[in-house]
PDB file of N, CA and C in Angstrom:
ATOM      1  N   UNK A   1       0.845  -1.174   0.000  1.00  0.00           N
ATOM      2  CA  UNK A   1       0.000   0.000   0.000  1.00  0.00           C
ATOM      3  C   UNK A   1       0.892   1.239   0.000  1.00  0.00           C
ATOM      4  N   UNK A   2       0.701   2.088  -0.977  1.00  0.00           N
ATOM      5  CA  UNK A   2       1.489   3.315  -1.079  1.00  0.00           C
ATOM      6  C   UNK A   2       0.691   4.478  -0.501  1.00  0.00           C
ATOM      7  N   UNK A   3       1.329   5.214   0.401  1.00  0.00           N
ATOM      8  CA  UNK A   3       0.670   6.367   1.003  1.00  0.00           C
ATOM      9  C   UNK A   3       0.687   7.548   0.049  1.00  0.00           C
ATOM     10  N   UNK A   4      -0.442   8.194  -0.052  1.00  0.00           N
ATOM     11  CA  UNK A   4      -0.533   9.466  -0.764  1.00  0.00           C
ATOM     12  C   UNK A   4       0.279  10.477   0.049  1.00  0.00           C
ATOM     13  N   UNK A   5       0.896  11.433  -0.601  1.00  0.00           N
ATOM     14  CA  UNK A   5       1.699  12.430   0.117  1.00  0.00           C
ATOM     15  C   UNK A   5       0.882  13.153   1.175  1.00  0.00           C
ATOM     16  N   UNK A   6      -0.421  13.328   0.944  1.00  0.00           N
ATOM     17  CA  UNK A   6      -1.249  14.051   1.908  1.00  0.00           C
ATOM     18  C   UNK A   6      -1.507  13.229   3.168  1.00  0.00           C
ATOM     19  N   UNK A   7      -1.297  11.914   3.114  1.00  0.00           N
ATOM     20  CA  UNK A   7      -1.469  11.058   4.290  1.00  0.00           C
ATOM     21  C   UNK A   7      -0.163  10.849   5.052  1.00  0.00           C
ATOM     22  N   UNK A   8       0.927  11.331   4.501  1.00  0.00           N
ATOM     23  CA  UNK A   8       2.239  11.158   5.134  1.00  0.00           C
ATOM     24  C   UNK A   8       2.236  11.839   6.504  1.00  0.00           C
ATOM     25  N   UNK A   9       2.868  11.205   7.484  1.00  0.00           N
ATOM     26  CA  UNK A   9       2.971  11.765   8.828  1.00  0.00           C
ATOM     27  C   UNK A   9       4.312  12.475   8.979  1.00  0.00           C
ATOM     28  N   UNK A  10       4.242  13.705   9.472  1.00  0.00           N
ATOM     29  CA  UNK A  10       5.442  14.517   9.654  1.00  0.00           C
ATOM     30  C   UNK A  10       5.637  14.851  11.127  1.00  0.00           C
ATOM     31  N   UNK A  11       6.882  14.934  11.547  1.00  0.00           N
ATOM     32  CA  UNK A  11       7.195  15.391  12.899  1.00  0.00           C
ATOM     33  C   UNK A  11       7.072  16.917  12.942  1.00  0.00           C
ATOM     34  N   UNK A  12       7.139  17.471  14.137  1.00  0.00           N
ATOM     35  CA  UNK A  12       7.103  18.935  14.250  1.00  0.00           C
ATOM     36  C   UNK A  12       8.278  19.569  13.517  1.00  0.00           C
ATOM     37  N   UNK A  13       9.430  18.939  13.611  1.00  0.00           N
ATOM     38  CA  UNK A  13      10.605  19.472  12.904  1.00  0.00           C
ATOM     39  C   UNK A  13      10.382  19.467  11.402  1.00  0.00           C
ATOM     40  N   UNK A  14       9.789  18.372  10.900  1.00  0.00           N
ATOM     41  CA  UNK A  14       9.496  18.277   9.466  1.00  0.00           C
ATOM     42  C   UNK A  14       8.511  19.361   9.035  1.00  0.00           C
ATOM     43  N   UNK A  15       7.477  19.582   9.853  1.00  0.00           N
ATOM     44  CA  UNK A  15       6.474  20.610   9.539  1.00  0.00           C
ATOM     45  C   UNK A  15       7.132  21.991   9.523  1.00  0.00           C
ATOM     46  N   UNK A  16       7.986  22.245  10.504  1.00  0.00           N
ATOM     47  CA  UNK A  16       8.670  23.538  10.580  1.00  0.00           C
ATOM     48  C   UNK A  16       9.497  23.800   9.327  1.00  0.00           C
ATOM     49  N   UNK A  17      10.204  22.785   8.868  1.00  0.00           N
ATOM     50  CA  UNK A  17      11.047  22.942   7.681  1.00  0.00           C
ATOM     51  C   UNK A  17      10.204  23.062   6.419  1.00  0.00           C
ATOM     52  N   UNK A  18       9.244  22.170   6.271  1.00  0.00           N
ATOM     53  CA  UNK A  18       8.471  22.100   5.020  1.00  0.00           C
ATOM     54  C   UNK A  18       7.502  23.269   4.847  1.00  0.00           C
ATOM     55  N   UNK A  19       6.868  23.706   5.951  1.00  0.00           N
ATOM     56  CA  UNK A  19       5.830  24.736   5.848  1.00  0.00           C
ATOM     57  C   UNK A  19       6.230  26.076   6.472  1.00  0.00           C
ATOM     58  N   UNK A  20       7.386  26.139   7.099  1.00  0.00           N
ATOM     59  CA  UNK A  20       7.842  27.396   7.693  1.00  0.00           C
ATOM     60  C   UNK A  20       7.063  27.808   8.924  1.00  0.00           C
ATOM     61  N   UNK A  21       6.526  26.837   9.649  1.00  0.00           N
ATOM     62  CA  UNK A  21       5.781  27.109  10.879  1.00  0.00           C
ATOM     63  C   UNK A  21       6.711  26.781  12.048  1.00  0.00           C
ATOM     64  N   UNK A  22       6.986  27.732  12.932  1.00  0.00           N
ATOM     65  CA  UNK A  22       7.913  27.462  14.030  1.00  0.00           C
ATOM     66  C   UNK A  22       7.477  26.283  14.907  1.00  0.00           C
ATOM     67  N   UNK A  23       8.451  25.457  15.303  1.00  0.00           N
ATOM     68  CA  UNK A  23       8.166  24.308  16.169  1.00  0.00           C
ATOM     69  C   UNK A  23       7.491  24.743  17.461  1.00  0.00           C
ATOM     70  N   UNK A  24       7.971  25.809  18.047  1.00  0.00           N
ATOM     71  CA  UNK A  24       7.409  26.272  19.330  1.00  0.00           C
ATOM     72  C   UNK A  24       5.938  26.650  19.165  1.00  0.00           C
ATOM     73  N   UNK A  25       5.598  27.283  18.053  1.00  0.00           N
ATOM     74  CA  UNK A  25       4.195  27.618  17.799  1.00  0.00           C
ATOM     75  C   UNK A  25       3.359  26.342  17.744  1.00  0.00           C
ATOM     76  N   UNK A  26       3.852  25.318  17.053  1.00  0.00           N
ATOM     77  CA  UNK A  26       3.120  24.055  16.952  1.00  0.00           C
ATOM     78  C   UNK A  26       2.925  23.418  18.324  1.00  0.00           C
ATOM     79  N   UNK A  27       3.949  23.478  19.176  1.00  0.00           N
ATOM     80  CA  UNK A  27       3.854  22.926  20.533  1.00  0.00           C
ATOM     81  C   UNK A  27       2.787  23.653  21.344  1.00  0.00           C
ATOM     82  N   UNK A  28       2.832  24.970  21.329  1.00  0.00           N
ATOM     83  CA  UNK A  28       1.869  25.777  22.090  1.00  0.00           C
ATOM     84  C   UNK A  28       0.458  25.577  21.552  1.00  0.00           C
ATOM     85  N   UNK A  29       0.307  25.584  20.233  1.00  0.00           N
ATOM     86  CA  UNK A  29      -1.014  25.397  19.624  1.00  0.00           C
ATOM     87  C   UNK A  29      -1.592  24.036  20.001  1.00  0.00           C
ATOM     88  N   UNK A  30      -0.770  22.996  20.024  1.00  0.00           N
ATOM     89  CA  UNK A  30      -1.246  21.660  20.393  1.00  0.00           C
ATOM     90  C   UNK A  30      -1.703  21.632  21.854  1.00  0.00           C
ATOM     91  N   UNK A  31      -0.964  22.295  22.745  1.00  0.00           N
ATOM     92  CA  UNK A  31      -1.348  22.341  24.163  1.00  0.00           C
ATOM     93  C   UNK A  31      -2.672  23.066  24.351  1.00  0.00           C
ATOM     94  N   UNK A  32      -2.935  24.063  23.522  1.00  0.00           N
ATOM     95  CA  UNK A  32      -4.170  24.850  23.623  1.00  0.00           C
ATOM     96  C   UNK A  32      -5.332  24.237  22.847  1.00  0.00           C
ATOM     97  N   UNK A  33      -5.060  23.161  22.110  1.00  0.00           N
ATOM     98  CA  UNK A  33      -6.107  22.557  21.284  1.00  0.00           C
ATOM     99  C   UNK A  33      -6.359  23.353  20.017  1.00  0.00           C
ATOM    100  N   UNK A  34      -5.380  24.131  19.606  1.00  0.00           N
ATOM    101  CA  UNK A  34      -5.470  24.933  18.387  1.00  0.00           C
ATOM    102  C   UNK A  34      -4.478  24.373  17.377  1.00  0.00           C
ATOM    103  N   UNK A  35      -4.347  25.040  16.267  1.00  0.00           N
ATOM    104  CA  UNK A  35      -3.360  24.633  15.272  1.00  0.00           C
ATOM    105  C   UNK A  35      -3.804  23.427  14.476  1.00  0.00           C
ATOM    106  N   UNK A  36      -2.893  22.882  13.685  1.00  0.00           N
ATOM    107  CA  UNK A  36      -3.235  21.722  12.856  1.00  0.00           C
ATOM    108  C   UNK A  36      -3.574  20.512  13.727  1.00  0.00           C
ATOM    109  N   UNK A  37      -4.452  19.689  13.224  1.00  0.00           N
ATOM    110  CA  UNK A  37      -4.840  18.459  13.917  1.00  0.00           C
ATOM    111  C   UNK A  37      -3.606  17.568  14.084  1.00  0.00           C
ATOM    112  N   UNK A  38      -3.471  16.938  15.261  1.00  0.00           N
ATOM    113  CA  UNK A  38      -2.318  16.083  15.506  1.00  0.00           C
ATOM    114  C   UNK A  38      -2.722  14.616  15.548  1.00  0.00           C
ATOM    115  N   UNK A  39      -1.738  13.763  15.310  1.00  0.00           N
ATOM    116  CA  UNK A  39      -1.893  12.316  15.437  1.00  0.00           C
ATOM    117  C   UNK A  39      -0.921  11.892  16.528  1.00  0.00           C
ATOM    118  N   UNK A  40      -1.429  11.244  17.565  1.00  0.00           N
ATOM    119  CA  UNK A  40      -0.565  10.755  18.644  1.00  0.00           C
ATOM    120  C   UNK A  40      -0.329   9.266  18.451  1.00  0.00           C
ATOM    121  N   UNK A  41       0.941   8.894  18.466  1.00  0.00           N
ATOM    122  CA  UNK A  41       1.337   7.492  18.408  1.00  0.00           C
ATOM    123  C   UNK A  41       2.204   7.276  19.645  1.00  0.00           C
ATOM    124  N   UNK A  42       1.578   6.763  20.685  1.00  0.00           N
ATOM    125  CA  UNK A  42       2.287   6.694  21.961  1.00  0.00           C
ATOM    126  C   UNK A  42       2.586   8.110  22.425  1.00  0.00           C
ATOM    127  N   UNK A  43       3.868   8.397  22.649  1.00  0.00           N
ATOM    128  CA  UNK A  43       4.272   9.739  23.069  1.00  0.00           C
ATOM    129  C   UNK A  43       4.651  10.629  21.893  1.00  0.00           C
ATOM    130  N   UNK A  44       4.664  10.055  20.704  1.00  0.00           N
ATOM    131  CA  UNK A  44       5.032  10.822  19.515  1.00  0.00           C
ATOM    132  C   UNK A  44       3.860  11.658  19.017  1.00  0.00           C
ATOM    133  N   UNK A  45       4.159  12.839  18.555  1.00  0.00           N
ATOM    134  CA  UNK A  45       3.156  13.715  17.942  1.00  0.00           C
ATOM    135  C   UNK A  45       3.524  13.855  16.475  1.00  0.00           C
ATOM    136  N   UNK A  46       2.560  13.589  15.616  1.00  0.00           N
ATOM    137  CA  UNK A  46       2.778  13.693  14.176  1.00  0.00           C
ATOM    138  C   UNK A  46       1.633  14.488  13.561  1.00  0.00           C
ATOM    139  N   UNK A  47       1.875  14.983  12.360  1.00  0.00           N
ATOM    140  CA  UNK A  47       0.900  15.773  11.617  1.00  0.00           C
ATOM    141  C   UNK A  47       0.744  15.178  10.230  1.00  0.00           C
ATOM    142  N   UNK A  48      -0.505  15.055   9.761  1.00  0.00           N
ATOM    143  CA  UNK A  48      -0.751  14.651   8.377  1.00  0.00           C
ATOM    144  C   UNK A  48      -0.624  15.885   7.491  1.00  0.00           C
ATOM    145  N   UNK A  49      -0.015  15.708   6.344  1.00  0.00           N
ATOM    146  CA  UNK A  49       0.154  16.817   5.403  1.00  0.00           C
ATOM    147  C   UNK A  49      -1.204  17.429   5.066  1.00  0.00           C
ATOM    148  N   UNK A  50      -2.217  16.581   4.827  1.00  0.00           N
ATOM    149  CA  UNK A  50      -3.534  17.111   4.454  1.00  0.00           C
ATOM    150  C   UNK A  50      -4.144  17.943   5.582  1.00  0.00           C
ATOM    151  N   UNK A  51      -3.886  17.581   6.850  1.00  0.00           N
ATOM    152  CA  UNK A  51      -4.417  18.359   7.971  1.00  0.00           C
ATOM    153  C   UNK A  51      -3.719  19.712   8.085  1.00  0.00           C
ATOM    154  N   UNK A  52      -2.434  19.743   7.812  1.00  0.00           N
ATOM    155  CA  UNK A  52      -1.697  21.014   7.843  1.00  0.00           C
ATOM    156  C   UNK A  52      -2.198  21.934   6.739  1.00  0.00           C
ATOM    157  N   UNK A  53      -2.341  21.386   5.536  1.00  0.00           N
ATOM    158  CA  UNK A  53      -2.830  22.193   4.410  1.00  0.00           C
ATOM    159  C   UNK A  53      -4.240  22.711   4.671  1.00  0.00           C
ATOM    160  N   UNK A  54      -5.109  21.876   5.248  1.00  0.00           N
ATOM    161  CA  UNK A  54      -6.482  22.301   5.559  1.00  0.00           C
ATOM    162  C   UNK A  54      -6.475  23.406   6.611  1.00  0.00           C
ATOM    163  N   UNK A  55      -5.620  23.282   7.613  1.00  0.00           N
ATOM    164  CA  UNK A  55      -5.517  24.297   8.655  1.00  0.00           C
ATOM    165  C   UNK A  55      -5.016  25.622   8.083  1.00  0.00           C
ATOM    166  N   UNK A  56      -4.027  25.557   7.225  1.00  0.00           N
ATOM    167  CA  UNK A  56      -3.514  26.777   6.586  1.00  0.00           C
ATOM    168  C   UNK A  56      -4.614  27.438   5.763  1.00  0.00           C
ATOM    169  N   UNK A  57      -5.334  26.647   4.992  1.00  0.00           N
ATOM    170  CA  UNK A  57      -6.421  27.180   4.155  1.00  0.00           C
ATOM    171  C   UNK A  57      -7.512  27.823   5.011  1.00  0.00           C
ATOM    172  N   UNK A  58      -7.874  27.157   6.111  1.00  0.00           N
ATOM    173  CA  UNK A  58      -8.928  27.676   6.987  1.00  0.00           C
ATOM    174  C   UNK A  58      -8.506  28.961   7.697  1.00  0.00           C
ATOM    175  N   UNK A  59      -7.212  29.177   7.832  1.00  0.00           N
ATOM    176  CA  UNK A  59      -6.709  30.352   8.549  1.00  0.00           C
ATOM    177  C   UNK A  59      -6.087  31.398   7.636  1.00  0.00           C
ATOM    178  N   UNK A  60      -6.352  31.282   6.352  1.00  0.00           N
ATOM    179  CA  UNK A  60      -5.854  32.261   5.396  1.00  0.00           C
ATOM    180  C   UNK A  60      -6.876  33.381   5.250  1.00  0.00           C
ATOM    181  N   UNK A  61      -6.431  34.606   5.446  1.00  0.00           N
ATOM    182  CA  UNK A  61      -7.326  35.757   5.320  1.00  0.00           C
ATOM    183  C   UNK A  61      -7.600  36.039   3.853  1.00  0.00           C
ATOM    184  N   UNK A  62      -8.836  36.433   3.544  1.00  0.00           N
ATOM    185  CA  UNK A  62      -9.115  36.830   2.162  1.00  0.00           C
ATOM    186  C   UNK A  62      -8.317  38.091   1.836  1.00  0.00           C
ATOM    187  N   UNK A  63      -7.951  38.208   0.585  1.00  0.00           N
ATOM    188  CA  UNK A  63      -7.184  39.389   0.170  1.00  0.00           C
ATOM    189  C   UNK A  63      -8.034  40.646   0.293  1.00  0.00           C
ATOM    190  N   UNK A  64      -7.400  41.717   0.688  1.00  0.00           N
ATOM    191  CA  UNK A  64      -8.102  43.003   0.770  1.00  0.00           C
ATOM    192  C   UNK A  64      -8.426  43.481  -0.640  1.00  0.00           C
ATOM    193  N   UNK A  65      -9.620  44.019  -0.787  1.00  0.00           N
ATOM    194  CA  UNK A  65     -10.049  44.493  -2.107  1.00  0.00           C
ATOM    195  C   UNK A  65      -9.928  45.985  -2.183  1.00  0.00           C
TER     196      UNK A  65
END
């Protein structure tokens, strides 16, 4: 079974590098129940690419007209 790129699980470090979102922001957002949806595997925290993209889209301001 081949995973679609949007189903790939990324660490906080991977998200920070790939999307330019600071690791500390991701940590704080997760503690507050905000930010991209997380996947917990034991003590590990991972993010699905599709969840990060959806979160970015939902938090993008419309352009000023």
